[in-house]
Amino acid sequence: MKTSARNQLQGTVIAIHRGAVNDEIELELLGGTRIVSIITHRSTEAMGLTMGSTAIALIKAPWVILATDLSDVVLSTRNVLTGTVSVLQPGVITSEVHLTLSKGGTIVAIVTNDSVAELDLKVGREAAALFKASHVILGVRRT
């Protein structure tokens, strides 16, 4: 699959919570990391998502928020993935940051250079990637 989304994470559907308009889909990625997506019930049906289905989660890098100390914070976002900065590519205004996830895999974020400085991000630093369930676009391969 070719898309402009930097994060393309394949997983298995492990839970579907149906709603009148939207469904909450939980995916387990390789290594056991779990993420949640909110999509329309109509999309769930159109893609044929069922328990055990394989799906691809697309998350644009600018939608990923990075944090370095969440020990005393409670958040409303469903997706919080921990890892270690493995690549830090500075640009003029923003930087591309790759986190190698604790349970395997990588997620990429695009953050401002000011945020890189404020969070003291550098290769080897532990951090968390946060993104809303509504920012996880799901796709399936045609059969």
C-alpha atoms as a PDB file:
ATOM      1  CA  MET A   1       0.000   0.000   0.000  1.00  0.00           C
ATOM      2  CA  LYS A   2       1.413   3.391  -0.960  1.00  0.00           C
ATOM      3  CA  THR A   3       0.176   6.418   0.970  1.00  0.00           C
ATOM      4  CA  SER A   4       1.660   9.657   2.256  1.00  0.00           C
ATOM      5  CA  ALA A   5       1.052   8.549   5.862  1.00  0.00           C
ATOM      6  CA  ARG A   6       4.438   7.865   7.479  1.00  0.00           C
ATOM      7  CA  ASN A   7       2.947   5.395   9.945  1.00  0.00           C
ATOM      8  CA  GLN A   8       1.468   2.251   8.403  1.00  0.00           C
ATOM      9  CA  LEU A   9       0.988  -0.316  11.139  1.00  0.00           C
ATOM     10  CA  GLN A  10      -0.442  -3.748  10.392  1.00  0.00           C
ATOM     11  CA  GLY A  11      -2.474  -5.457  13.060  1.00  0.00           C
ATOM     12  CA  THR A  12      -5.212  -7.901  13.915  1.00  0.00           C
ATOM     13  CA  VAL A  13      -8.679  -6.813  15.020  1.00  0.00           C
ATOM     14  CA  ILE A  14      -9.081  -7.991  18.622  1.00  0.00           C
ATOM     15  CA  ALA A  15     -12.195  -6.016  19.597  1.00  0.00           C
ATOM     16  CA  ILE A  16     -15.075  -4.243  17.893  1.00  0.00           C
ATOM     17  CA  HIS A  17     -17.366  -2.069  20.007  1.00  0.00           C
ATOM     18  CA  ARG A  18     -20.306  -1.180  17.815  1.00  0.00           C
ATOM     19  CA  GLY A  19     -22.134   2.110  18.016  1.00  0.00           C
ATOM     20  CA  ALA A  20     -25.087   3.622  16.203  1.00  0.00           C
ATOM     21  CA  VAL A  21     -22.807   5.869  14.120  1.00  0.00           C
ATOM     22  CA  ASN A  22     -19.189   5.048  15.042  1.00  0.00           C
ATOM     23  CA  ASP A  23     -17.406   1.854  16.005  1.00  0.00           C
ATOM     24  CA  GLU A  24     -14.337   1.510  18.165  1.00  0.00           C
ATOM     25  CA  ILE A  25     -11.879  -0.946  16.624  1.00  0.00           C
ATOM     26  CA  GLU A  26      -8.980  -2.287  18.673  1.00  0.00           C
ATOM     27  CA  LEU A  27      -5.936  -3.623  16.811  1.00  0.00           C
ATOM     28  CA  GLU A  28      -3.075  -5.662  18.174  1.00  0.00           C
ATOM     29  CA  LEU A  29       0.156  -4.944  16.314  1.00  0.00           C
ATOM     30  CA  LEU A  30       3.122  -7.271  15.989  1.00  0.00           C
ATOM     31  CA  GLY A  31       4.809  -7.475  19.372  1.00  0.00           C
ATOM     32  CA  GLY A  32       1.553  -6.955  21.248  1.00  0.00           C
ATOM     33  CA  THR A  33       1.145  -3.179  21.088  1.00  0.00           C
ATOM     34  CA  ARG A  34      -2.533  -2.245  20.983  1.00  0.00           C
ATOM     35  CA  ILE A  35      -4.094   0.785  19.333  1.00  0.00           C
ATOM     36  CA  VAL A  36      -7.666   1.987  19.028  1.00  0.00           C
ATOM     37  CA  SER A  37      -9.401   3.525  16.021  1.00  0.00           C
ATOM     38  CA  ILE A  38     -12.792   5.207  15.816  1.00  0.00           C
ATOM     39  CA  ILE A  39     -14.415   4.757  12.401  1.00  0.00           C
ATOM     40  CA  THR A  40     -17.976   4.870  11.156  1.00  0.00           C
ATOM     41  CA  HIS A  41     -20.082   1.763  11.529  1.00  0.00           C
ATOM     42  CA  ARG A  42     -20.619   1.954   7.779  1.00  0.00           C
ATOM     43  CA  SER A  43     -16.829   1.763   7.198  1.00  0.00           C
ATOM     44  CA  THR A  44     -16.544  -1.253   9.505  1.00  0.00           C
ATOM     45  CA  GLU A  45     -19.120  -3.054   7.382  1.00  0.00           C
ATOM     46  CA  ALA A  46     -17.743  -1.858   4.022  1.00  0.00           C
ATOM     47  CA  MET A  47     -14.259  -3.152   4.890  1.00  0.00           C
ATOM     48  CA  GLY A  48     -15.633  -6.399   6.285  1.00  0.00           C
ATOM     49  CA  LEU A  49     -13.865  -5.946   9.620  1.00  0.00           C
ATOM     50  CA  THR A  50     -14.476  -8.815  12.021  1.00  0.00           C
ATOM     51  CA  MET A  51     -12.607 -10.312  14.953  1.00  0.00           C
ATOM     52  CA  GLY A  52      -9.324 -11.698  13.646  1.00  0.00           C
ATOM     53  CA  SER A  53      -9.319  -9.555  10.488  1.00  0.00           C
ATOM     54  CA  THR A  54      -6.063  -8.001   9.372  1.00  0.00           C
ATOM     55  CA  ALA A  55      -6.108  -4.217   9.005  1.00  0.00           C
ATOM     56  CA  ILE A  56      -3.577  -1.479   8.401  1.00  0.00           C
ATOM     57  CA  ALA A  57      -3.629   1.589  10.634  1.00  0.00           C
ATOM     58  CA  LEU A  58      -2.536   4.829   8.986  1.00  0.00           C
ATOM     59  CA  ILE A  59      -1.464   7.689  11.229  1.00  0.00           C
ATOM     60  CA  LYS A  60       0.018  10.834   9.731  1.00  0.00           C
ATOM     61  CA  ALA A  61       3.224  11.854  11.506  1.00  0.00           C
ATOM     62  CA  PRO A  62       1.998  15.416  12.329  1.00  0.00           C
ATOM     63  CA  TRP A  63      -0.924  13.849  14.252  1.00  0.00           C
ATOM     64  CA  VAL A  64       1.485  12.150  16.672  1.00  0.00           C
ATOM     65  CA  ILE A  65       2.232  14.119  19.849  1.00  0.00           C
ATOM     66  CA  LEU A  66       5.377  13.323  21.831  1.00  0.00           C
ATOM     67  CA  ALA A  67       5.778  13.508  25.604  1.00  0.00           C
ATOM     68  CA  THR A  68       8.632  12.663  27.941  1.00  0.00           C
ATOM     69  CA  ASP A  69       7.047  12.623  31.414  1.00  0.00           C
ATOM     70  CA  LEU A  70       3.525  11.316  31.827  1.00  0.00           C
ATOM     71  CA  SER A  71       4.000   9.789  35.285  1.00  0.00           C
ATOM     72  CA  ASP A  72       1.401  12.003  36.993  1.00  0.00           C
ATOM     73  CA  VAL A  73      -0.876  12.769  34.034  1.00  0.00           C
ATOM     74  CA  VAL A  74      -4.228  11.247  33.101  1.00  0.00           C
ATOM     75  CA  LEU A  75      -5.098  11.726  29.421  1.00  0.00           C
ATOM     76  CA  SER A  76      -8.244  11.282  27.372  1.00  0.00           C
ATOM     77  CA  THR A  77      -6.345   9.944  24.351  1.00  0.00           C
ATOM     78  CA  ARG A  78      -6.670   6.188  23.928  1.00  0.00           C
ATOM     79  CA  ASN A  79      -3.351   5.656  22.174  1.00  0.00           C
ATOM     80  CA  VAL A  80      -0.185   6.091  24.240  1.00  0.00           C
ATOM     81  CA  LEU A  81       2.815   4.120  22.957  1.00  0.00           C
ATOM     82  CA  THR A  82       6.141   4.183  24.776  1.00  0.00           C
ATOM     83  CA  GLY A  83       9.558   3.825  23.243  1.00  0.00           C
ATOM     84  CA  THR A  84      12.990   5.265  22.671  1.00  0.00           C
ATOM     85  CA  VAL A  85      14.031   7.939  20.195  1.00  0.00           C
ATOM     86  CA  SER A  86      16.006   6.125  17.502  1.00  0.00           C
ATOM     87  CA  VAL A  87      16.193   8.826  14.797  1.00  0.00           C
ATOM     88  CA  LEU A  88      16.085  12.598  15.141  1.00  0.00           C
ATOM     89  CA  GLN A  89      16.185  14.447  11.818  1.00  0.00           C
ATOM     90  CA  PRO A  90      16.068  18.227  12.356  1.00  0.00           C
ATOM     91  CA  GLY A  91      14.653  20.560   9.758  1.00  0.00           C
ATOM     92  CA  VAL A  92      14.391  24.331   9.607  1.00  0.00           C
ATOM     93  CA  ILE A  93      11.093  24.529  11.561  1.00  0.00           C
ATOM     94  CA  THR A  94      10.200  20.941  12.423  1.00  0.00           C
ATOM     95  CA  SER A  95      11.991  17.694  13.139  1.00  0.00           C
ATOM     96  CA  GLU A  96      11.184  14.122  12.237  1.00  0.00           C
ATOM     97  CA  VAL A  97      11.394  11.861  15.278  1.00  0.00           C
ATOM     98  CA  HIS A  98      11.332   8.046  15.117  1.00  0.00           C
ATOM     99  CA  LEU A  99      10.407   6.145  18.272  1.00  0.00           C
ATOM    100  CA  THR A 100      11.331   2.487  18.476  1.00  0.00           C
ATOM    101  CA  LEU A 101       8.431   1.091  20.476  1.00  0.00           C
ATOM    102  CA  SER A 102       8.977  -0.924  23.651  1.00  0.00           C
ATOM    103  CA  LYS A 103       7.050  -3.890  22.227  1.00  0.00           C
ATOM    104  CA  GLY A 104       8.563  -3.623  18.741  1.00  0.00           C
ATOM    105  CA  GLY A 105       7.921  -1.508  15.698  1.00  0.00           C
ATOM    106  CA  THR A 106       8.432   2.175  15.061  1.00  0.00           C
ATOM    107  CA  ILE A 107       6.241   5.260  15.007  1.00  0.00           C
ATOM    108  CA  VAL A 108       7.208   8.565  13.406  1.00  0.00           C
ATOM    109  CA  ALA A 109       6.232  12.031  14.618  1.00  0.00           C
ATOM    110  CA  ILE A 110       6.776  15.466  13.120  1.00  0.00           C
ATOM    111  CA  VAL A 111       7.182  18.056  15.876  1.00  0.00           C
ATOM    112  CA  THR A 112       8.459  21.619  16.068  1.00  0.00           C
ATOM    113  CA  ASN A 113      12.087  22.238  16.822  1.00  0.00           C
ATOM    114  CA  ASP A 114      10.922  24.186  19.885  1.00  0.00           C
ATOM    115  CA  SER A 115       9.225  21.013  21.146  1.00  0.00           C
ATOM    116  CA  VAL A 116      12.377  18.977  20.515  1.00  0.00           C
ATOM    117  CA  ALA A 117      14.300  21.451  22.685  1.00  0.00           C
ATOM    118  CA  GLU A 118      11.637  21.707  25.424  1.00  0.00           C
ATOM    119  CA  LEU A 119      11.344  17.899  25.670  1.00  0.00           C
ATOM    120  CA  ASP A 120      15.125  17.497  25.420  1.00  0.00           C
ATOM    121  CA  LEU A 121      14.606  14.878  22.708  1.00  0.00           C
ATOM    122  CA  LYS A 122      17.721  13.060  21.555  1.00  0.00           C
ATOM    123  CA  VAL A 123      18.590   9.586  20.335  1.00  0.00           C
ATOM    124  CA  GLY A 124      18.289   7.167  23.252  1.00  0.00           C
ATOM    125  CA  ARG A 125      15.770   9.282  25.202  1.00  0.00           C
ATOM    126  CA  GLU A 126      12.582   7.543  26.324  1.00  0.00           C
ATOM    127  CA  ALA A 127       9.373   9.162  25.144  1.00  0.00           C
ATOM    128  CA  ALA A 128       5.717   8.441  24.501  1.00  0.00           C
ATOM    129  CA  ALA A 129       3.752   8.869  21.280  1.00  0.00           C
ATOM    130  CA  LEU A 130       0.147   9.970  21.720  1.00  0.00           C
ATOM    131  CA  PHE A 131      -2.575  10.129  19.101  1.00  0.00           C
ATOM    132  CA  LYS A 132      -6.343  10.240  19.108  1.00  0.00           C
ATOM    133  CA  ALA A 133      -8.388   7.205  18.087  1.00  0.00           C
ATOM    134  CA  SER A 134     -10.149   9.401  15.530  1.00  0.00           C
ATOM    135  CA  HIS A 135      -6.749  10.039  13.871  1.00  0.00           C
ATOM    136  CA  VAL A 136      -6.241   6.353  13.106  1.00  0.00           C
ATOM    137  CA  ILE A 137      -7.453   5.597   9.579  1.00  0.00           C
ATOM    138  CA  LEU A 138      -7.966   1.905   8.904  1.00  0.00           C
ATOM    139  CA  GLY A 139      -7.524   0.097   5.617  1.00  0.00           C
ATOM    140  CA  VAL A 140      -7.745  -3.500   4.420  1.00  0.00           C
ATOM    141  CA  ARG A 141      -6.285  -5.218   1.409  1.00  0.00           C
ATOM    142  CA  ARG A 142      -8.703  -6.185  -1.343  1.00  0.00           C
ATOM    143  CA  THR A 143      -9.249  -9.883  -1.702  1.00  0.00           C
END
